Amino acid sequence: MGAPAWTAKEISALEEMTAKYPLPTVARKLNRSVSAVFLKQQRLGIGGLRQNSDMITRNMLSKILGIENRTIKSWEEKGLKSIKKKPYIMYRHQDIINYMKEHLEDWNAARITDDSLFMRFDWYQEKKKHDVATRYNWTEREESKLKFLRHEGYTIREIAEKMNRSESSIKYKLYRRNK
């Protein structure tokens, strides 16, 4: 059987203590495990990334970067190291930073909702100056262009460049279109 559900009183105490104490102290005062407190902080979006742990869940990373979970999963295939801590997939901050620095084309700095982990890096600041928020809804004209380019034999990377979209967006659209 799992841990007891969080009460409103515990959540209130968690929010107050997170600003004052390190994670292990908060966990001890709430009589909860460190991982339970960390995950609750992550789910509530409190405490900041760097204060509480060297790890972050896929869902939280997705929210921070403004991208889909499936995009992060595809990054794993390209080298982003993940750690399975059931039921979560976790990433070390340094692994995220290394991946993002080495794969600037895979993400858009304008979509990042919390840059506390990245803002100290010059490469991030430079990218942030140039990236613009992009729309994700596809028009019929764009879908037609995608079909045409794929039929003409262009690679996913070439299509992404021509259409000013991410490779993962192109792959997803092609996959969804074929269903």
C-alpha atoms as a PDB file:
ATOM      1  CA  MET A   1       0.000   0.000   0.000  1.00  0.00           C
ATOM      2  CA  GLY A   2       1.234   3.505  -0.873  1.00  0.00           C
ATOM      3  CA  ALA A   3       1.917   6.476   1.334  1.00  0.00           C
ATOM      4  CA  PRO A   4      -1.061   8.386   2.731  1.00  0.00           C
ATOM      5  CA  ALA A   5      -2.531  11.172   0.624  1.00  0.00           C
ATOM      6  CA  TRP A   6      -1.282  14.678   1.268  1.00  0.00           C
ATOM      7  CA  THR A   7      -3.583  16.804   3.412  1.00  0.00           C
ATOM      8  CA  ALA A   8      -4.204  20.498   2.821  1.00  0.00           C
ATOM      9  CA  LYS A   9      -2.389  21.214   6.096  1.00  0.00           C
ATOM     10  CA  GLU A  10       0.678  19.235   4.954  1.00  0.00           C
ATOM     11  CA  ILE A  11       0.724  21.004   1.579  1.00  0.00           C
ATOM     12  CA  SER A  12       0.553  24.377   3.298  1.00  0.00           C
ATOM     13  CA  ALA A  13       3.420  23.390   5.613  1.00  0.00           C
ATOM     14  CA  LEU A  14       5.380  22.082   2.632  1.00  0.00           C
ATOM     15  CA  GLU A  15       5.029  25.403   0.815  1.00  0.00           C
ATOM     16  CA  GLU A  16       6.151  27.369   3.873  1.00  0.00           C
ATOM     17  CA  MET A  17       9.090  25.117   4.768  1.00  0.00           C
ATOM     18  CA  THR A  18      10.381  24.763   1.200  1.00  0.00           C
ATOM     19  CA  ALA A  19      11.446  28.404   1.183  1.00  0.00           C
ATOM     20  CA  LYS A  20      13.259  28.056   4.545  1.00  0.00           C
ATOM     21  CA  TYR A  21      14.765  24.571   4.804  1.00  0.00           C
ATOM     22  CA  PRO A  22      16.685  22.091   2.654  1.00  0.00           C
ATOM     23  CA  LEU A  23      14.794  19.141   1.247  1.00  0.00           C
ATOM     24  CA  PRO A  24      15.910  16.541   3.849  1.00  0.00           C
ATOM     25  CA  THR A  25      14.800  18.815   6.698  1.00  0.00           C
ATOM     26  CA  VAL A  26      11.403  19.403   5.103  1.00  0.00           C
ATOM     27  CA  ALA A  27      10.961  15.658   4.627  1.00  0.00           C
ATOM     28  CA  ARG A  28      11.880  14.923   8.250  1.00  0.00           C
ATOM     29  CA  LYS A  29       9.531  17.615   9.609  1.00  0.00           C
ATOM     30  CA  LEU A  30       6.651  16.260   7.502  1.00  0.00           C
ATOM     31  CA  ASN A  31       7.487  12.645   8.358  1.00  0.00           C
ATOM     32  CA  ARG A  32       7.718  11.834   4.633  1.00  0.00           C
ATOM     33  CA  SER A  33      10.487  10.391   2.509  1.00  0.00           C
ATOM     34  CA  VAL A  34      12.815  12.784   0.707  1.00  0.00           C
ATOM     35  CA  SER A  35      11.658  11.459  -2.659  1.00  0.00           C
ATOM     36  CA  ALA A  36       7.969  11.885  -1.739  1.00  0.00           C
ATOM     37  CA  VAL A  37       8.550  15.493  -0.701  1.00  0.00           C
ATOM     38  CA  PHE A  38      10.655  16.206  -3.775  1.00  0.00           C
ATOM     39  CA  LEU A  39       8.018  14.794  -6.132  1.00  0.00           C
ATOM     40  CA  LYS A  40       5.262  16.744  -4.391  1.00  0.00           C
ATOM     41  CA  GLN A  41       7.314  19.939  -4.709  1.00  0.00           C
ATOM     42  CA  GLN A  42       7.843  19.213  -8.393  1.00  0.00           C
ATOM     43  CA  ARG A  43       4.142  18.532  -8.973  1.00  0.00           C
ATOM     44  CA  LEU A  44       3.200  21.738  -7.175  1.00  0.00           C
ATOM     45  CA  GLY A  45       5.917  23.684  -8.970  1.00  0.00           C
ATOM     46  CA  ILE A  46       7.531  24.971  -5.775  1.00  0.00           C
ATOM     47  CA  GLY A  47      11.099  25.132  -4.596  1.00  0.00           C
ATOM     48  CA  GLY A  48      12.866  25.775  -7.882  1.00  0.00           C
ATOM     49  CA  LEU A  49      14.965  23.297  -9.792  1.00  0.00           C
ATOM     50  CA  ARG A  50      18.355  23.724  -8.241  1.00  0.00           C
ATOM     51  CA  GLN A  51      17.374  23.998  -4.577  1.00  0.00           C
ATOM     52  CA  ASN A  52      15.875  20.606  -4.019  1.00  0.00           C
ATOM     53  CA  SER A  53      17.672  18.037  -6.087  1.00  0.00           C
ATOM     54  CA  ASP A  54      19.983  17.275  -8.918  1.00  0.00           C
ATOM     55  CA  MET A  55      17.140  15.394 -10.643  1.00  0.00           C
ATOM     56  CA  ILE A  56      14.015  16.383 -12.526  1.00  0.00           C
ATOM     57  CA  THR A  57      11.123  14.316 -13.870  1.00  0.00           C
ATOM     58  CA  ARG A  58      10.267  14.076 -17.567  1.00  0.00           C
ATOM     59  CA  ASN A  59       6.892  15.730 -16.945  1.00  0.00           C
ATOM     60  CA  MET A  60       8.461  18.681 -15.163  1.00  0.00           C
ATOM     61  CA  LEU A  61      11.157  19.031 -17.828  1.00  0.00           C
ATOM     62  CA  SER A  62       8.423  18.998 -20.456  1.00  0.00           C
ATOM     63  CA  LYS A  63       6.616  21.862 -18.710  1.00  0.00           C
ATOM     64  CA  ILE A  64       9.794  23.866 -18.181  1.00  0.00           C
ATOM     65  CA  LEU A  65      10.921  23.552 -21.799  1.00  0.00           C
ATOM     66  CA  GLY A  66       7.452  23.971 -23.284  1.00  0.00           C
ATOM     67  CA  ILE A  67       7.709  20.746 -25.266  1.00  0.00           C
ATOM     68  CA  GLU A  68       5.962  17.391 -25.354  1.00  0.00           C
ATOM     69  CA  ASN A  69       7.072  14.339 -23.373  1.00  0.00           C
ATOM     70  CA  ARG A  70       7.535  12.444 -26.638  1.00  0.00           C
ATOM     71  CA  THR A  71      10.097  15.039 -27.725  1.00  0.00           C
ATOM     72  CA  ILE A  72      12.157  14.472 -24.582  1.00  0.00           C
ATOM     73  CA  LYS A  73      11.848  10.726 -25.109  1.00  0.00           C
ATOM     74  CA  SER A  74      13.291  11.170 -28.596  1.00  0.00           C
ATOM     75  CA  TRP A  75      16.201  13.075 -27.037  1.00  0.00           C
ATOM     76  CA  GLU A  76      17.025   9.929 -25.073  1.00  0.00           C
ATOM     77  CA  GLU A  77      17.516   8.143 -28.387  1.00  0.00           C
ATOM     78  CA  LYS A  78      19.919  10.937 -29.366  1.00  0.00           C
ATOM     79  CA  GLY A  79      21.941  10.706 -26.152  1.00  0.00           C
ATOM     80  CA  LEU A  80      20.113  12.359 -23.235  1.00  0.00           C
ATOM     81  CA  LYS A  81      20.774  10.131 -20.222  1.00  0.00           C
ATOM     82  CA  SER A  82      17.714   9.136 -18.188  1.00  0.00           C
ATOM     83  CA  ILE A  83      17.322   7.340 -14.891  1.00  0.00           C
ATOM     84  CA  LYS A  84      14.268   5.221 -14.158  1.00  0.00           C
ATOM     85  CA  LYS A  85      12.949   5.725 -10.627  1.00  0.00           C
ATOM     86  CA  LYS A  86       9.609   3.984 -10.779  1.00  0.00           C
ATOM     87  CA  PRO A  87       7.177   5.255 -11.777  1.00  0.00           C
ATOM     88  CA  TYR A  88       9.171   8.262 -13.028  1.00  0.00           C
ATOM     89  CA  ILE A  89      11.800   8.930 -15.654  1.00  0.00           C
ATOM     90  CA  MET A  90      14.334  11.354 -14.196  1.00  0.00           C
ATOM     91  CA  TYR A  91      17.213  13.413 -15.583  1.00  0.00           C
ATOM     92  CA  ARG A  92      20.240  14.940 -13.898  1.00  0.00           C
ATOM     93  CA  HIS A  93      20.527  18.700 -14.350  1.00  0.00           C
ATOM     94  CA  GLN A  94      24.005  18.441 -15.836  1.00  0.00           C
ATOM     95  CA  ASP A  95      22.854  15.851 -18.397  1.00  0.00           C
ATOM     96  CA  ILE A  96      20.031  18.177 -19.479  1.00  0.00           C
ATOM     97  CA  ILE A  97      22.416  21.122 -19.747  1.00  0.00           C
ATOM     98  CA  ASN A  98      24.951  19.089 -21.746  1.00  0.00           C
ATOM     99  CA  TYR A  99      22.297  17.793 -24.137  1.00  0.00           C
ATOM    100  CA  MET A 100      20.772  21.227 -24.721  1.00  0.00           C
ATOM    101  CA  LYS A 101      24.169  22.819 -25.320  1.00  0.00           C
ATOM    102  CA  GLU A 102      25.113  20.123 -27.841  1.00  0.00           C
ATOM    103  CA  HIS A 103      21.691  20.064 -29.594  1.00  0.00           C
ATOM    104  CA  LEU A 104      20.685  23.710 -29.933  1.00  0.00           C
ATOM    105  CA  GLU A 105      18.437  22.866 -32.893  1.00  0.00           C
ATOM    106  CA  ASP A 106      16.218  20.601 -30.753  1.00  0.00           C
ATOM    107  CA  TRP A 107      14.665  23.269 -28.548  1.00  0.00           C
ATOM    108  CA  ASN A 108      13.352  26.813 -28.585  1.00  0.00           C
ATOM    109  CA  ALA A 109      14.504  29.167 -25.821  1.00  0.00           C
ATOM    110  CA  ALA A 110      11.419  31.360 -26.311  1.00  0.00           C
ATOM    111  CA  ARG A 111       9.194  28.501 -25.082  1.00  0.00           C
ATOM    112  CA  ILE A 112      11.066  27.889 -21.812  1.00  0.00           C
ATOM    113  CA  THR A 113       8.897  28.743 -18.808  1.00  0.00           C
ATOM    114  CA  ASP A 114      11.580  28.561 -16.087  1.00  0.00           C
ATOM    115  CA  ASP A 115      15.160  29.210 -17.119  1.00  0.00           C
ATOM    116  CA  SER A 116      16.717  29.127 -13.650  1.00  0.00           C
ATOM    117  CA  LEU A 117      18.741  26.068 -14.636  1.00  0.00           C
ATOM    118  CA  PHE A 118      20.093  27.571 -17.877  1.00  0.00           C
ATOM    119  CA  MET A 119      20.231  31.359 -17.520  1.00  0.00           C
ATOM    120  CA  ARG A 120      23.825  31.423 -16.278  1.00  0.00           C
ATOM    121  CA  PHE A 121      25.149  30.029 -19.571  1.00  0.00           C
ATOM    122  CA  ASP A 122      26.257  32.294 -22.424  1.00  0.00           C
ATOM    123  CA  TRP A 123      25.086  29.798 -25.087  1.00  0.00           C
ATOM    124  CA  TYR A 124      21.578  29.896 -23.592  1.00  0.00           C
ATOM    125  CA  GLN A 125      21.494  33.701 -23.407  1.00  0.00           C
ATOM    126  CA  GLU A 126      22.601  33.918 -27.029  1.00  0.00           C
ATOM    127  CA  LYS A 127      19.962  31.435 -28.187  1.00  0.00           C
ATOM    128  CA  LYS A 128      17.291  33.245 -26.177  1.00  0.00           C
ATOM    129  CA  LYS A 129      18.058  36.482 -28.051  1.00  0.00           C
ATOM    130  CA  HIS A 130      17.356  34.841 -31.407  1.00  0.00           C
ATOM    131  CA  ASP A 131      14.596  32.301 -30.780  1.00  0.00           C
ATOM    132  CA  VAL A 132      11.006  33.338 -31.315  1.00  0.00           C
ATOM    133  CA  ALA A 133       7.920  31.570 -30.043  1.00  0.00           C
ATOM    134  CA  THR A 134       6.516  29.346 -32.747  1.00  0.00           C
ATOM    135  CA  ARG A 135       2.996  28.213 -33.292  1.00  0.00           C
ATOM    136  CA  TYR A 136       2.229  24.530 -33.256  1.00  0.00           C
ATOM    137  CA  ASN A 137      -1.075  24.330 -35.086  1.00  0.00           C
ATOM    138  CA  TRP A 138      -0.707  23.097 -38.628  1.00  0.00           C
ATOM    139  CA  THR A 139      -2.574  24.785 -41.468  1.00  0.00           C
ATOM    140  CA  GLU A 140      -3.948  22.768 -44.380  1.00  0.00           C
ATOM    141  CA  ARG A 141      -1.387  24.451 -46.608  1.00  0.00           C
ATOM    142  CA  GLU A 142       1.462  23.316 -44.340  1.00  0.00           C
ATOM    143  CA  GLU A 143       0.133  19.761 -44.272  1.00  0.00           C
ATOM    144  CA  SER A 144       0.011  19.745 -48.072  1.00  0.00           C
ATOM    145  CA  LYS A 145       3.554  21.065 -48.248  1.00  0.00           C
ATOM    146  CA  LEU A 146       4.700  18.383 -45.797  1.00  0.00           C
ATOM    147  CA  LYS A 147       3.107  15.632 -47.918  1.00  0.00           C
ATOM    148  CA  PHE A 148       4.641  17.069 -51.082  1.00  0.00           C
ATOM    149  CA  LEU A 149       8.159  17.383 -49.628  1.00  0.00           C
ATOM    150  CA  ARG A 150       8.053  13.867 -48.199  1.00  0.00           C
ATOM    151  CA  HIS A 151       6.790  12.501 -51.515  1.00  0.00           C
ATOM    152  CA  GLU A 152       9.652  14.288 -53.279  1.00  0.00           C
ATOM    153  CA  GLY A 153      12.113  12.378 -51.089  1.00  0.00           C
ATOM    154  CA  TYR A 154      13.253  15.052 -48.669  1.00  0.00           C
ATOM    155  CA  THR A 155      14.557  13.852 -45.304  1.00  0.00           C
ATOM    156  CA  ILE A 156      12.816  14.792 -42.095  1.00  0.00           C
ATOM    157  CA  ARG A 157      15.682  17.151 -41.243  1.00  0.00           C
ATOM    158  CA  GLU A 158      15.433  18.867 -44.647  1.00  0.00           C
ATOM    159  CA  ILE A 159      11.660  19.214 -44.304  1.00  0.00           C
ATOM    160  CA  ALA A 160      12.043  20.653 -40.800  1.00  0.00           C
ATOM    161  CA  GLU A 161      14.479  23.262 -42.092  1.00  0.00           C
ATOM    162  CA  LYS A 162      12.311  24.168 -45.083  1.00  0.00           C
ATOM    163  CA  MET A 163       9.172  24.448 -42.962  1.00  0.00           C
ATOM    164  CA  ASN A 164      10.838  26.114 -39.969  1.00  0.00           C
ATOM    165  CA  ARG A 165       9.625  23.389 -37.605  1.00  0.00           C
ATOM    166  CA  SER A 166      11.366  20.918 -35.330  1.00  0.00           C
ATOM    167  CA  GLU A 167      12.249  17.449 -36.543  1.00  0.00           C
ATOM    168  CA  SER A 168      10.068  15.974 -33.811  1.00  0.00           C
ATOM    169  CA  SER A 169       7.104  18.040 -35.033  1.00  0.00           C
ATOM    170  CA  ILE A 170       7.584  16.717 -38.567  1.00  0.00           C
ATOM    171  CA  LYS A 171       7.937  13.115 -37.373  1.00  0.00           C
ATOM    172  CA  TYR A 172       4.859  13.380 -35.196  1.00  0.00           C
ATOM    173  CA  LYS A 173       2.781  14.883 -37.985  1.00  0.00           C
ATOM    174  CA  LEU A 174       3.906  12.198 -40.431  1.00  0.00           C
ATOM    175  CA  TYR A 175       3.166   9.454 -37.908  1.00  0.00           C
ATOM    176  CA  ARG A 176      -0.255  10.857 -36.969  1.00  0.00           C
ATOM    177  CA  ARG A 177      -1.121  11.377 -40.646  1.00  0.00           C
ATOM    178  CA  ASN A 178      -0.401   7.723 -41.396  1.00  0.00           C
ATOM    179  CA  LYS A 179      -2.747   6.428 -38.679  1.00  0.00           C
END
